[in-house]
Amino acid sequence: DDARLAVEVDGSGHEHPDQARHDMRRTHWLNLRGIAVHRIAARDVLGN
């Protein structure tokens, strides 16, 4: 809340075009409300 930041952990399903479009709409909706979105690949959490 302090940073007004959403952190999303994206698995391989987020690479599908339909999911990517949904993610873009969702990010836009959040941005309009002053919330930034930081996306992290699940494989990065596991490996780095």
ModelCIF file with pLDDT and N, C-alpha, C, O atoms, coordinates in Angstrom:
data_MODEL
#
_entry.id   MODEL 
#
_entity.id                         1 
_entity.type                       polymer 
_entity.pdbx_number_of_molecules   1 
#
_entity_poly.entity_id                      1 
_entity_poly.type                           'polypeptide(L)' 
_entity_poly.nstd_linkage                   no 
_entity_poly.nstd_monomer                   no 
_entity_poly.pdbx_seq_one_letter_code       DDARLAVEVDGSGHEHPDQARHDMRRTHWLNLRGIAVHRIAARDVLGN 
_entity_poly.pdbx_seq_one_letter_code_can   DDARLAVEVDGSGHEHPDQARHDMRRTHWLNLRGIAVHRIAARDVLGN 
_entity_poly.pdbx_strand_id                 A 
#
loop_
_entity_poly_seq.entity_id 
_entity_poly_seq.num 
_entity_poly_seq.mon_id 
_entity_poly_seq.hetero 
1 1  ASP n 
1 2  ASP n 
1 3  ALA n 
1 4  ARG n 
1 5  LEU n 
1 6  ALA n 
1 7  VAL n 
1 8  GLU n 
1 9  VAL n 
1 10 ASP n 
1 11 GLY n 
1 12 SER n 
1 13 GLY n 
1 14 HIS n 
1 15 GLU n 
1 16 HIS n 
1 17 PRO n 
1 18 ASP n 
1 19 GLN n 
1 20 ALA n 
1 21 ARG n 
1 22 HIS n 
1 23 ASP n 
1 24 MET n 
1 25 ARG n 
1 26 ARG n 
1 27 THR n 
1 28 HIS n 
1 29 TRP n 
1 30 LEU n 
1 31 ASN n 
1 32 LEU n 
1 33 ARG n 
1 34 GLY n 
1 35 ILE n 
1 36 ALA n 
1 37 VAL n 
1 38 HIS n 
1 39 ARG n 
1 40 ILE n 
1 41 ALA n 
1 42 ALA n 
1 43 ARG n 
1 44 ASP n 
1 45 VAL n 
1 46 LEU n 
1 47 GLY n 
1 48 ASN n 
#
_struct_asym.id          A 
_struct_asym.entity_id   1 
#
loop_
_ma_qa_metric.id 
_ma_qa_metric.mode 
_ma_qa_metric.name 
_ma_qa_metric.software_group_id 
_ma_qa_metric.type 
1 global pLDDT . pLDDT 
2 local  pLDDT . pLDDT 
#
_ma_qa_metric_global.metric_id      1 
_ma_qa_metric_global.metric_value   87.29 
_ma_qa_metric_global.model_id       1 
_ma_qa_metric_global.ordinal_id     1 
#
loop_
_ma_qa_metric_local.label_asym_id 
_ma_qa_metric_local.label_comp_id 
_ma_qa_metric_local.label_seq_id 
_ma_qa_metric_local.metric_id 
_ma_qa_metric_local.metric_value 
_ma_qa_metric_local.model_id 
_ma_qa_metric_local.ordinal_id 
A ASP 1  2 91.00 1 1  
A ASP 2  2 89.00 1 2  
A ALA 3  2 90.00 1 3  
A ARG 4  2 92.00 1 4  
A LEU 5  2 94.00 1 5  
A ALA 6  2 95.00 1 6  
A VAL 7  2 96.00 1 7  
A GLU 8  2 94.00 1 8  
A VAL 9  2 94.00 1 9  
A ASP 10 2 87.00 1 10 
A GLY 11 2 80.00 1 11 
A SER 12 2 64.00 1 12 
A GLY 13 2 65.00 1 13 
A HIS 14 2 55.00 1 14 
A GLU 15 2 63.00 1 15 
A HIS 16 2 62.00 1 16 
A PRO 17 2 69.00 1 17 
A ASP 18 2 78.00 1 18 
A GLN 19 2 73.00 1 19 
A ALA 20 2 81.00 1 20 
A ARG 21 2 87.00 1 21 
A HIS 22 2 86.00 1 22 
A ASP 23 2 88.00 1 23 
A MET 24 2 91.00 1 24 
A ARG 25 2 92.00 1 25 
A ARG 26 2 92.00 1 26 
A THR 27 2 93.00 1 27 
A HIS 28 2 93.00 1 28 
A TRP 29 2 93.00 1 29 
A LEU 30 2 94.00 1 30 
A ASN 31 2 92.00 1 31 
A LEU 32 2 91.00 1 32 
A ARG 33 2 91.00 1 33 
A GLY 34 2 91.00 1 34 
A ILE 35 2 92.00 1 35 
A ALA 36 2 93.00 1 36 
A VAL 37 2 94.00 1 37 
A HIS 38 2 94.00 1 38 
A ARG 39 2 93.00 1 39 
A ILE 40 2 93.00 1 40 
A ALA 41 2 92.00 1 41 
A ALA 42 2 93.00 1 42 
A ARG 43 2 93.00 1 43 
A ASP 44 2 93.00 1 44 
A VAL 45 2 94.00 1 45 
A LEU 46 2 94.00 1 46 
A GLY 47 2 93.00 1 47 
A ASN 48 2 93.00 1 48 
#
loop_
_atom_site.group_PDB 
_atom_site.id 
_atom_site.type_symbol 
_atom_site.label_atom_id 
_atom_site.label_alt_id 
_atom_site.label_comp_id 
_atom_site.label_asym_id 
_atom_site.label_entity_id 
_atom_site.label_seq_id 
_atom_site.pdbx_PDB_ins_code 
_atom_site.Cartn_x 
_atom_site.Cartn_y 
_atom_site.Cartn_z 
_atom_site.occupancy 
_atom_site.B_iso_or_equiv 
_atom_site.pdbx_formal_charge 
_atom_site.auth_seq_id 
_atom_site.auth_comp_id 
_atom_site.auth_asym_id 
_atom_site.auth_atom_id 
_atom_site.pdbx_PDB_model_num 
ATOM 1   N N  . ASP A 1 1  ? 0.819  -1.208  0.000   1.00 91.00 ? 1  ASP A N  1 
ATOM 2   C CA . ASP A 1 1  ? 0.000  0.000   0.000   1.00 91.00 ? 1  ASP A CA 1 
ATOM 3   C C  . ASP A 1 1  ? 0.859  1.268   0.000   1.00 91.00 ? 1  ASP A C  1 
ATOM 4   O O  . ASP A 1 1  ? 0.525  2.239   -0.678  1.00 91.00 ? 1  ASP A O  1 
ATOM 5   N N  . ASP A 1 2  ? 1.960  1.266   0.752   1.00 89.00 ? 2  ASP A N  1 
ATOM 6   C CA . ASP A 1 2  ? 2.819  2.458   0.819   1.00 89.00 ? 2  ASP A CA 1 
ATOM 7   C C  . ASP A 1 2  ? 3.354  2.837   -0.558  1.00 89.00 ? 2  ASP A C  1 
ATOM 8   O O  . ASP A 1 2  ? 3.418  4.019   -0.896  1.00 89.00 ? 2  ASP A O  1 
ATOM 9   N N  . ALA A 1 3  ? 3.739  1.842   -1.354  1.00 90.00 ? 3  ALA A N  1 
ATOM 10  C CA . ALA A 1 3  ? 4.281  2.100   -2.694  1.00 90.00 ? 3  ALA A CA 1 
ATOM 11  C C  . ALA A 1 3  ? 3.199  2.075   -3.768  1.00 90.00 ? 3  ALA A C  1 
ATOM 12  O O  . ALA A 1 3  ? 3.479  2.345   -4.935  1.00 90.00 ? 3  ALA A O  1 
ATOM 13  N N  . ARG A 1 4  ? 1.949  1.747   -3.376  1.00 92.00 ? 4  ARG A N  1 
ATOM 14  C CA . ARG A 1 4  ? 0.846  1.586   -4.336  1.00 92.00 ? 4  ARG A CA 1 
ATOM 15  C C  . ARG A 1 4  ? 1.307  0.671   -5.479  1.00 92.00 ? 4  ARG A C  1 
ATOM 16  O O  . ARG A 1 4  ? 1.189  0.999   -6.659  1.00 92.00 ? 4  ARG A O  1 
ATOM 17  N N  . LEU A 1 5  ? 1.842  -0.501  -5.072  1.00 94.00 ? 5  LEU A N  1 
ATOM 18  C CA . LEU A 1 5  ? 2.446  -1.427  -6.014  1.00 94.00 ? 5  LEU A CA 1 
ATOM 19  C C  . LEU A 1 5  ? 1.833  -2.816  -5.888  1.00 94.00 ? 5  LEU A C  1 
ATOM 20  O O  . LEU A 1 5  ? 1.798  -3.399  -4.805  1.00 94.00 ? 5  LEU A O  1 
ATOM 21  N N  . ALA A 1 6  ? 1.354  -3.332  -7.010  1.00 95.00 ? 6  ALA A N  1 
ATOM 22  C CA . ALA A 1 6  ? 0.890  -4.718  -7.101  1.00 95.00 ? 6  ALA A CA 1 
ATOM 23  C C  . ALA A 1 6  ? 2.042  -5.556  -7.637  1.00 95.00 ? 6  ALA A C  1 
ATOM 24  O O  . ALA A 1 6  ? 2.702  -5.162  -8.598  1.00 95.00 ? 6  ALA A O  1 
ATOM 25  N N  . VAL A 1 7  ? 2.286  -6.695  -7.028  1.00 96.00 ? 7  VAL A N  1 
ATOM 26  C CA . VAL A 1 7  ? 3.330  -7.605  -7.478  1.00 96.00 ? 7  VAL A CA 1 
ATOM 27  C C  . VAL A 1 7  ? 2.648  -8.880  -7.945  1.00 96.00 ? 7  VAL A C  1 
ATOM 28  O O  . VAL A 1 7  ? 1.958  -9.545  -7.174  1.00 96.00 ? 7  VAL A O  1 
ATOM 29  N N  . GLU A 1 8  ? 2.845  -9.212  -9.207  1.00 94.00 ? 8  GLU A N  1 
ATOM 30  C CA . GLU A 1 8  ? 2.209  -10.377 -9.800  1.00 94.00 ? 8  GLU A CA 1 
ATOM 31  C C  . GLU A 1 8  ? 3.266  -11.410 -10.178 1.00 94.00 ? 8  GLU A C  1 
ATOM 32  O O  . GLU A 1 8  ? 4.234  -11.093 -10.870 1.00 94.00 ? 8  GLU A O  1 
ATOM 33  N N  . VAL A 1 9  ? 3.077  -12.636 -9.724  1.00 94.00 ? 9  VAL A N  1 
ATOM 34  C CA . VAL A 1 9  ? 3.955  -13.746 -10.079 1.00 94.00 ? 9  VAL A CA 1 
ATOM 35  C C  . VAL A 1 9  ? 3.271  -14.489 -11.217 1.00 94.00 ? 9  VAL A C  1 
ATOM 36  O O  . VAL A 1 9  ? 2.216  -15.095 -11.031 1.00 94.00 ? 9  VAL A O  1 
ATOM 37  N N  . ASP A 1 10 ? 3.884  -14.436 -12.398 1.00 87.00 ? 10 ASP A N  1 
ATOM 38  C CA . ASP A 1 10 ? 3.274  -14.993 -13.596 1.00 87.00 ? 10 ASP A CA 1 
ATOM 39  C C  . ASP A 1 10 ? 3.888  -16.338 -13.960 1.00 87.00 ? 10 ASP A C  1 
ATOM 40  O O  . ASP A 1 10 ? 5.091  -16.445 -14.198 1.00 87.00 ? 10 ASP A O  1 
ATOM 41  N N  . GLY A 1 11 ? 3.043  -17.356 -14.000 1.00 80.00 ? 11 GLY A N  1 
ATOM 42  C CA . GLY A 1 11 ? 3.459  -18.673 -14.470 1.00 80.00 ? 11 GLY A CA 1 
ATOM 43  C C  . GLY A 1 11 ? 3.390  -18.726 -15.987 1.00 80.00 ? 11 GLY A C  1 
ATOM 44  O O  . GLY A 1 11 ? 3.126  -17.713 -16.635 1.00 80.00 ? 11 GLY A O  1 
ATOM 45  N N  . SER A 1 12 ? 3.625  -19.892 -16.549 1.00 64.00 ? 12 SER A N  1 
ATOM 46  C CA . SER A 1 12 ? 3.665  -20.040 -18.009 1.00 64.00 ? 12 SER A CA 1 
ATOM 47  C C  . SER A 1 12 ? 2.311  -19.745 -18.662 1.00 64.00 ? 12 SER A C  1 
ATOM 48  O O  . SER A 1 12 ? 2.268  -19.400 -19.843 1.00 64.00 ? 12 SER A O  1 
ATOM 49  N N  . GLY A 1 13 ? 1.229  -19.870 -17.935 1.00 65.00 ? 13 GLY A N  1 
ATOM 50  C CA . GLY A 1 13 ? -0.091 -19.575 -18.486 1.00 65.00 ? 13 GLY A CA 1 
ATOM 51  C C  . GLY A 1 13 ? -0.248 -18.130 -18.919 1.00 65.00 ? 13 GLY A C  1 
ATOM 52  O O  . GLY A 1 13 ? -1.096 -17.825 -19.758 1.00 65.00 ? 13 GLY A O  1 
ATOM 53  N N  . HIS A 1 14 ? 0.550  -17.240 -18.363 1.00 55.00 ? 14 HIS A N  1 
ATOM 54  C CA . HIS A 1 14 ? 0.453  -15.822 -18.715 1.00 55.00 ? 14 HIS A CA 1 
ATOM 55  C C  . HIS A 1 14 ? 1.063  -15.523 -20.076 1.00 55.00 ? 14 HIS A C  1 
ATOM 56  O O  . HIS A 1 14 ? 0.947  -14.404 -20.575 1.00 55.00 ? 14 HIS A O  1 
ATOM 57  N N  . GLU A 1 15 ? 1.721  -16.525 -20.689 1.00 63.00 ? 15 GLU A N  1 
ATOM 58  C CA . GLU A 1 15 ? 2.289  -16.344 -22.020 1.00 63.00 ? 15 GLU A CA 1 
ATOM 59  C C  . GLU A 1 15 ? 1.249  -16.568 -23.118 1.00 63.00 ? 15 GLU A C  1 
ATOM 60  O O  . GLU A 1 15 ? 1.487  -16.215 -24.272 1.00 63.00 ? 15 GLU A O  1 
ATOM 61  N N  . HIS A 1 16 ? 0.114  -17.143 -22.776 1.00 62.00 ? 16 HIS A N  1 
ATOM 62  C CA . HIS A 1 16 ? -0.962 -17.381 -23.747 1.00 62.00 ? 16 HIS A CA 1 
ATOM 63  C C  . HIS A 1 16 ? -1.559 -16.034 -24.157 1.00 62.00 ? 16 HIS A C  1 
ATOM 64  O O  . HIS A 1 16 ? -1.772 -15.176 -23.299 1.00 62.00 ? 16 HIS A O  1 
ATOM 65  N N  . PRO A 1 17 ? -1.835 -15.829 -25.450 1.00 69.00 ? 17 PRO A N  1 
ATOM 66  C CA . PRO A 1 17 ? -2.339 -14.528 -25.923 1.00 69.00 ? 17 PRO A CA 1 
ATOM 67  C C  . PRO A 1 17 ? -3.601 -14.045 -25.207 1.00 69.00 ? 17 PRO A C  1 
ATOM 68  O O  . PRO A 1 17 ? -3.712 -12.857 -24.905 1.00 69.00 ? 17 PRO A O  1 
ATOM 69  N N  . ASP A 1 18 ? -4.550 -14.935 -24.929 1.00 78.00 ? 18 ASP A N  1 
ATOM 70  C CA . ASP A 1 18 ? -5.772 -14.510 -24.232 1.00 78.00 ? 18 ASP A CA 1 
ATOM 71  C C  . ASP A 1 18 ? -5.449 -14.011 -22.828 1.00 78.00 ? 18 ASP A C  1 
ATOM 72  O O  . ASP A 1 18 ? -5.984 -12.992 -22.389 1.00 78.00 ? 18 ASP A O  1 
ATOM 73  N N  . GLN A 1 19 ? -4.579 -14.724 -22.126 1.00 73.00 ? 19 GLN A N  1 
ATOM 74  C CA . GLN A 1 19 ? -4.205 -14.319 -20.769 1.00 73.00 ? 19 GLN A CA 1 
ATOM 75  C C  . GLN A 1 19 ? -3.413 -13.015 -20.806 1.00 73.00 ? 19 GLN A C  1 
ATOM 76  O O  . GLN A 1 19 ? -3.579 -12.160 -19.936 1.00 73.00 ? 19 GLN A O  1 
ATOM 77  N N  . ALA A 1 20 ? -2.565 -12.865 -21.800 1.00 81.00 ? 20 ALA A N  1 
ATOM 78  C CA . ALA A 1 20 ? -1.780 -11.634 -21.937 1.00 81.00 ? 20 ALA A CA 1 
ATOM 79  C C  . ALA A 1 20 ? -2.701 -10.430 -22.136 1.00 81.00 ? 20 ALA A C  1 
ATOM 80  O O  . ALA A 1 20 ? -2.461 -9.367  -21.562 1.00 81.00 ? 20 ALA A O  1 
ATOM 81  N N  . ARG A 1 21 ? -3.752 -10.587 -22.944 1.00 87.00 ? 21 ARG A N  1 
ATOM 82  C CA . ARG A 1 21 ? -4.715 -9.496  -23.152 1.00 87.00 ? 21 ARG A CA 1 
ATOM 83  C C  . ARG A 1 21 ? -5.450 -9.183  -21.849 1.00 87.00 ? 21 ARG A C  1 
ATOM 84  O O  . ARG A 1 21 ? -5.668 -8.017  -21.520 1.00 87.00 ? 21 ARG A O  1 
ATOM 85  N N  . HIS A 1 22 ? -5.826 -10.211 -21.118 1.00 86.00 ? 22 HIS A N  1 
ATOM 86  C CA . HIS A 1 22 ? -6.495 -10.011 -19.822 1.00 86.00 ? 22 HIS A CA 1 
ATOM 87  C C  . HIS A 1 22 ? -5.558 -9.265  -18.861 1.00 86.00 ? 22 HIS A C  1 
ATOM 88  O O  . HIS A 1 22 ? -5.980 -8.346  -18.161 1.00 86.00 ? 22 HIS A O  1 
ATOM 89  N N  . ASP A 1 23 ? -4.293 -9.669  -18.837 1.00 88.00 ? 23 ASP A N  1 
ATOM 90  C CA . ASP A 1 23 ? -3.317 -9.010  -17.968 1.00 88.00 ? 23 ASP A CA 1 
ATOM 91  C C  . ASP A 1 23 ? -3.169 -7.536  -18.325 1.00 88.00 ? 23 ASP A C  1 
ATOM 92  O O  . ASP A 1 23 ? -3.052 -6.692  -17.437 1.00 88.00 ? 23 ASP A O  1 
ATOM 93  N N  . MET A 1 24 ? -3.173 -7.221  -19.619 1.00 91.00 ? 24 MET A N  1 
ATOM 94  C CA . MET A 1 24 ? -3.057 -5.829  -20.056 1.00 91.00 ? 24 MET A CA 1 
ATOM 95  C C  . MET A 1 24 ? -4.266 -5.012  -19.600 1.00 91.00 ? 24 MET A C  1 
ATOM 96  O O  . MET A 1 24 ? -4.111 -3.890  -19.118 1.00 91.00 ? 24 MET A O  1 
ATOM 97  N N  . ARG A 1 25 ? -5.478 -5.575  -19.752 1.00 92.00 ? 25 ARG A N  1 
ATOM 98  C CA . ARG A 1 25 ? -6.690 -4.869  -19.294 1.00 92.00 ? 25 ARG A CA 1 
ATOM 99  C C  . ARG A 1 25 ? -6.635 -4.649  -17.779 1.00 92.00 ? 25 ARG A C  1 
ATOM 100 O O  . ARG A 1 25 ? -6.964 -3.569  -17.289 1.00 92.00 ? 25 ARG A O  1 
ATOM 101 N N  . ARG A 1 26 ? -6.225 -5.661  -17.063 1.00 92.00 ? 26 ARG A N  1 
ATOM 102 C CA . ARG A 1 26 ? -6.135 -5.600  -15.613 1.00 92.00 ? 26 ARG A CA 1 
ATOM 103 C C  . ARG A 1 26 ? -5.114 -4.543  -15.174 1.00 92.00 ? 26 ARG A C  1 
ATOM 104 O O  . ARG A 1 26 ? -5.382 -3.742  -14.279 1.00 92.00 ? 26 ARG A O  1 
ATOM 105 N N  . THR A 1 27 ? -3.944 -4.554  -15.815 1.00 93.00 ? 27 THR A N  1 
ATOM 106 C CA . THR A 1 27 ? -2.911 -3.570  -15.503 1.00 93.00 ? 27 THR A CA 1 
ATOM 107 C C  . THR A 1 27 ? -3.420 -2.159  -15.784 1.00 93.00 ? 27 THR A C  1 
ATOM 108 O O  . THR A 1 27 ? -3.200 -1.251  -14.983 1.00 93.00 ? 27 THR A O  1 
ATOM 109 N N  . HIS A 1 28 ? -4.092 -1.972  -16.903 1.00 93.00 ? 28 HIS A N  1 
ATOM 110 C CA . HIS A 1 28 ? -4.647 -0.661  -17.246 1.00 93.00 ? 28 HIS A CA 1 
ATOM 111 C C  . HIS A 1 28 ? -5.649 -0.220  -16.181 1.00 93.00 ? 28 HIS A C  1 
ATOM 112 O O  . HIS A 1 28 ? -5.615 0.929   -15.743 1.00 93.00 ? 28 HIS A O  1 
ATOM 113 N N  . TRP A 1 29 ? -6.534 -1.115  -15.763 1.00 93.00 ? 29 TRP A N  1 
ATOM 114 C CA . TRP A 1 29 ? -7.542 -0.809  -14.744 1.00 93.00 ? 29 TRP A CA 1 
ATOM 115 C C  . TRP A 1 29 ? -6.859 -0.390  -13.446 1.00 93.00 ? 29 TRP A C  1 
ATOM 116 O O  . TRP A 1 29 ? -7.264 0.588   -12.818 1.00 93.00 ? 29 TRP A O  1 
ATOM 117 N N  . LEU A 1 30 ? -5.825 -1.126  -13.041 1.00 94.00 ? 30 LEU A N  1 
ATOM 118 C CA . LEU A 1 30 ? -5.108 -0.799  -11.804 1.00 94.00 ? 30 LEU A CA 1 
ATOM 119 C C  . LEU A 1 30 ? -4.361 0.527   -11.935 1.00 94.00 ? 30 LEU A C  1 
ATOM 120 O O  . LEU A 1 30 ? -4.365 1.338   -11.008 1.00 94.00 ? 30 LEU A O  1 
ATOM 121 N N  . ASN A 1 31 ? -3.717 0.750   -13.090 1.00 92.00 ? 31 ASN A N  1 
ATOM 122 C CA . ASN A 1 31 ? -2.986 1.999   -13.307 1.00 92.00 ? 31 ASN A CA 1 
ATOM 123 C C  . ASN A 1 31 ? -3.903 3.210   -13.219 1.00 92.00 ? 31 ASN A C  1 
ATOM 124 O O  . ASN A 1 31 ? -3.510 4.245   -12.681 1.00 92.00 ? 31 ASN A O  1 
ATOM 125 N N  . LEU A 1 32 ? -5.118 3.095   -13.739 1.00 91.00 ? 32 LEU A N  1 
ATOM 126 C CA . LEU A 1 32 ? -6.076 4.193   -13.659 1.00 91.00 ? 32 LEU A CA 1 
ATOM 127 C C  . LEU A 1 32 ? -6.429 4.532   -12.218 1.00 91.00 ? 32 LEU A C  1 
ATOM 128 O O  . LEU A 1 32 ? -6.878 5.643   -11.935 1.00 91.00 ? 32 LEU A O  1 
ATOM 129 N N  . ARG A 1 33 ? -6.233 3.598   -11.317 1.00 91.00 ? 33 ARG A N  1 
ATOM 130 C CA . ARG A 1 33 ? -6.519 3.798   -9.902  1.00 91.00 ? 33 ARG A CA 1 
ATOM 131 C C  . ARG A 1 33 ? -5.248 4.080   -9.095  1.00 91.00 ? 33 ARG A C  1 
ATOM 132 O O  . ARG A 1 33 ? -5.257 4.030   -7.865  1.00 91.00 ? 33 ARG A O  1 
ATOM 133 N N  . GLY A 1 34 ? -4.160 4.376   -9.805  1.00 91.00 ? 34 GLY A N  1 
ATOM 134 C CA . GLY A 1 34 ? -2.926 4.766   -9.144  1.00 91.00 ? 34 GLY A CA 1 
ATOM 135 C C  . GLY A 1 34 ? -2.089 3.619   -8.611  1.00 91.00 ? 34 GLY A C  1 
ATOM 136 O O  . GLY A 1 34 ? -1.212 3.830   -7.773  1.00 91.00 ? 34 GLY A O  1 
ATOM 137 N N  . ILE A 1 35 ? -2.348 2.403   -9.086  1.00 92.00 ? 35 ILE A N  1 
ATOM 138 C CA . ILE A 1 35 ? -1.591 1.235   -8.636  1.00 92.00 ? 35 ILE A CA 1 
ATOM 139 C C  . ILE A 1 35 ? -0.691 0.769   -9.773  1.00 92.00 ? 35 ILE A C  1 
ATOM 140 O O  . ILE A 1 35 ? -1.169 0.410   -10.849 1.00 92.00 ? 35 ILE A O  1 
ATOM 141 N N  . ALA A 1 36 ? 0.620  0.776   -9.525  1.00 93.00 ? 36 ALA A N  1 
ATOM 142 C CA . ALA A 1 36 ? 1.581  0.265   -10.503 1.00 93.00 ? 36 ALA A CA 1 
ATOM 143 C C  . ALA A 1 36 ? 1.631  -1.258  -10.380 1.00 93.00 ? 36 ALA A C  1 
ATOM 144 O O  . ALA A 1 36 ? 1.331  -1.814  -9.324  1.00 93.00 ? 36 ALA A O  1 
ATOM 145 N N  . VAL A 1 37 ? 2.007  -1.915  -11.455 1.00 94.00 ? 37 VAL A N  1 
ATOM 146 C CA . VAL A 1 37 ? 2.075  -3.381  -11.464 1.00 94.00 ? 37 VAL A CA 1 
ATOM 147 C C  . VAL A 1 37 ? 3.502  -3.805  -11.796 1.00 94.00 ? 37 VAL A C  1 
ATOM 148 O O  . VAL A 1 37 ? 4.090  -3.357  -12.780 1.00 94.00 ? 37 VAL A O  1 
ATOM 149 N N  . HIS A 1 38 ? 4.038  -4.672  -10.959 1.00 94.00 ? 38 HIS A N  1 
ATOM 150 C CA . HIS A 1 38 ? 5.387  -5.236  -11.154 1.00 94.00 ? 38 HIS A CA 1 
ATOM 151 C C  . HIS A 1 38 ? 5.207  -6.732  -11.396 1.00 94.00 ? 38 HIS A C  1 
ATOM 152 O O  . HIS A 1 38 ? 4.782  -7.461  -10.500 1.00 94.00 ? 38 HIS A O  1 
ATOM 153 N N  . ARG A 1 39 ? 5.533  -7.189  -12.610 1.00 93.00 ? 39 ARG A N  1 
ATOM 154 C CA . ARG A 1 39 ? 5.361  -8.596  -12.971 1.00 93.00 ? 39 ARG A CA 1 
ATOM 155 C C  . ARG A 1 39 ? 6.680  -9.341  -12.834 1.00 93.00 ? 39 ARG A C  1 
ATOM 156 O O  . ARG A 1 39 ? 7.736  -8.865  -13.252 1.00 93.00 ? 39 ARG A O  1 
ATOM 157 N N  . ILE A 1 40 ? 6.588  -10.518 -12.239 1.00 93.00 ? 40 ILE A N  1 
ATOM 158 C CA . ILE A 1 40 ? 7.753  -11.366 -12.037 1.00 93.00 ? 40 ILE A CA 1 
ATOM 159 C C  . ILE A 1 40 ? 7.418  -12.750 -12.578 1.00 93.00 ? 40 ILE A C  1 
ATOM 160 O O  . ILE A 1 40 ? 6.375  -13.314 -12.245 1.00 93.00 ? 40 ILE A O  1 
ATOM 161 N N  . ALA A 1 41 ? 8.290  -13.292 -13.400 1.00 92.00 ? 41 ALA A N  1 
ATOM 162 C CA . ALA A 1 41 ? 8.095  -14.649 -13.911 1.00 92.00 ? 41 ALA A CA 1 
ATOM 163 C C  . ALA A 1 41 ? 8.324  -15.646 -12.775 1.00 92.00 ? 41 ALA A C  1 
ATOM 164 O O  . ALA A 1 41 ? 9.277  -15.515 -12.007 1.00 92.00 ? 41 ALA A O  1 
ATOM 165 N N  . ALA A 1 42 ? 7.451  -16.632 -12.677 1.00 93.00 ? 42 ALA A N  1 
ATOM 166 C CA . ALA A 1 42 ? 7.570  -17.653 -11.633 1.00 93.00 ? 42 ALA A CA 1 
ATOM 167 C C  . ALA A 1 42 ? 8.926  -18.345 -11.708 1.00 93.00 ? 42 ALA A C  1 
ATOM 168 O O  . ALA A 1 42 ? 9.518  -18.668 -10.678 1.00 93.00 ? 42 ALA A O  1 
ATOM 169 N N  . ARG A 1 43 ? 9.419  -18.574 -12.923 1.00 93.00 ? 43 ARG A N  1 
ATOM 170 C CA . ARG A 1 43 ? 10.720 -19.244 -13.069 1.00 93.00 ? 43 ARG A CA 1 
ATOM 171 C C  . ARG A 1 43 ? 11.838 -18.395 -12.484 1.00 93.00 ? 43 ARG A C  1 
ATOM 172 O O  . ARG A 1 43 ? 12.844 -18.942 -12.030 1.00 93.00 ? 43 ARG A O  1 
ATOM 173 N N  . ASP A 1 44 ? 11.692 -17.064 -12.481 1.00 93.00 ? 44 ASP A N  1 
ATOM 174 C CA . ASP A 1 44 ? 12.700 -16.193 -11.884 1.00 93.00 ? 44 ASP A CA 1 
ATOM 175 C C  . ASP A 1 44 ? 12.683 -16.294 -10.358 1.00 93.00 ? 44 ASP A C  1 
ATOM 176 O O  . ASP A 1 44 ? 13.735 -16.268 -9.719  1.00 93.00 ? 44 ASP A O  1 
ATOM 177 N N  . VAL A 1 45 ? 11.498 -16.407 -9.784  1.00 94.00 ? 45 VAL A N  1 
ATOM 178 C CA . VAL A 1 45 ? 11.406 -16.588 -8.332  1.00 94.00 ? 45 VAL A CA 1 
ATOM 179 C C  . VAL A 1 45 ? 12.110 -17.881 -7.937  1.00 94.00 ? 45 VAL A C  1 
ATOM 180 O O  . VAL A 1 45 ? 12.823 -17.926 -6.934  1.00 94.00 ? 45 VAL A O  1 
ATOM 181 N N  . LEU A 1 46 ? 11.907 -18.930 -8.729  1.00 94.00 ? 46 LEU A N  1 
ATOM 182 C CA . LEU A 1 46 ? 12.497 -20.229 -8.417  1.00 94.00 ? 46 LEU A CA 1 
ATOM 183 C C  . LEU A 1 46 ? 14.000 -20.267 -8.689  1.00 94.00 ? 46 LEU A C  1 
ATOM 184 O O  . LEU A 1 46 ? 14.737 -20.957 -7.986  1.00 94.00 ? 46 LEU A O  1 
ATOM 185 N N  . GLY A 1 47 ? 14.459 -19.532 -9.703  1.00 93.00 ? 47 GLY A N  1 
ATOM 186 C CA . GLY A 1 47 ? 15.858 -19.640 -10.103 1.00 93.00 ? 47 GLY A CA 1 
ATOM 187 C C  . GLY A 1 47 ? 16.750 -18.474 -9.739  1.00 93.00 ? 47 GLY A C  1 
ATOM 188 O O  . GLY A 1 47 ? 17.973 -18.609 -9.752  1.00 93.00 ? 47 GLY A O  1 
ATOM 189 N N  . ASN A 1 48 ? 16.158 -17.315 -9.410  1.00 93.00 ? 48 ASN A N  1 
ATOM 190 C CA . ASN A 1 48 ? 16.967 -16.129 -9.137  1.00 93.00 ? 48 ASN A CA 1 
ATOM 191 C C  . ASN A 1 48 ? 16.269 -15.248 -8.113  1.00 93.00 ? 48 ASN A C  1 
ATOM 192 O O  . ASN A 1 48 ? 16.790 -14.195 -7.747  1.00 93.00 ? 48 ASN A O  1 
#
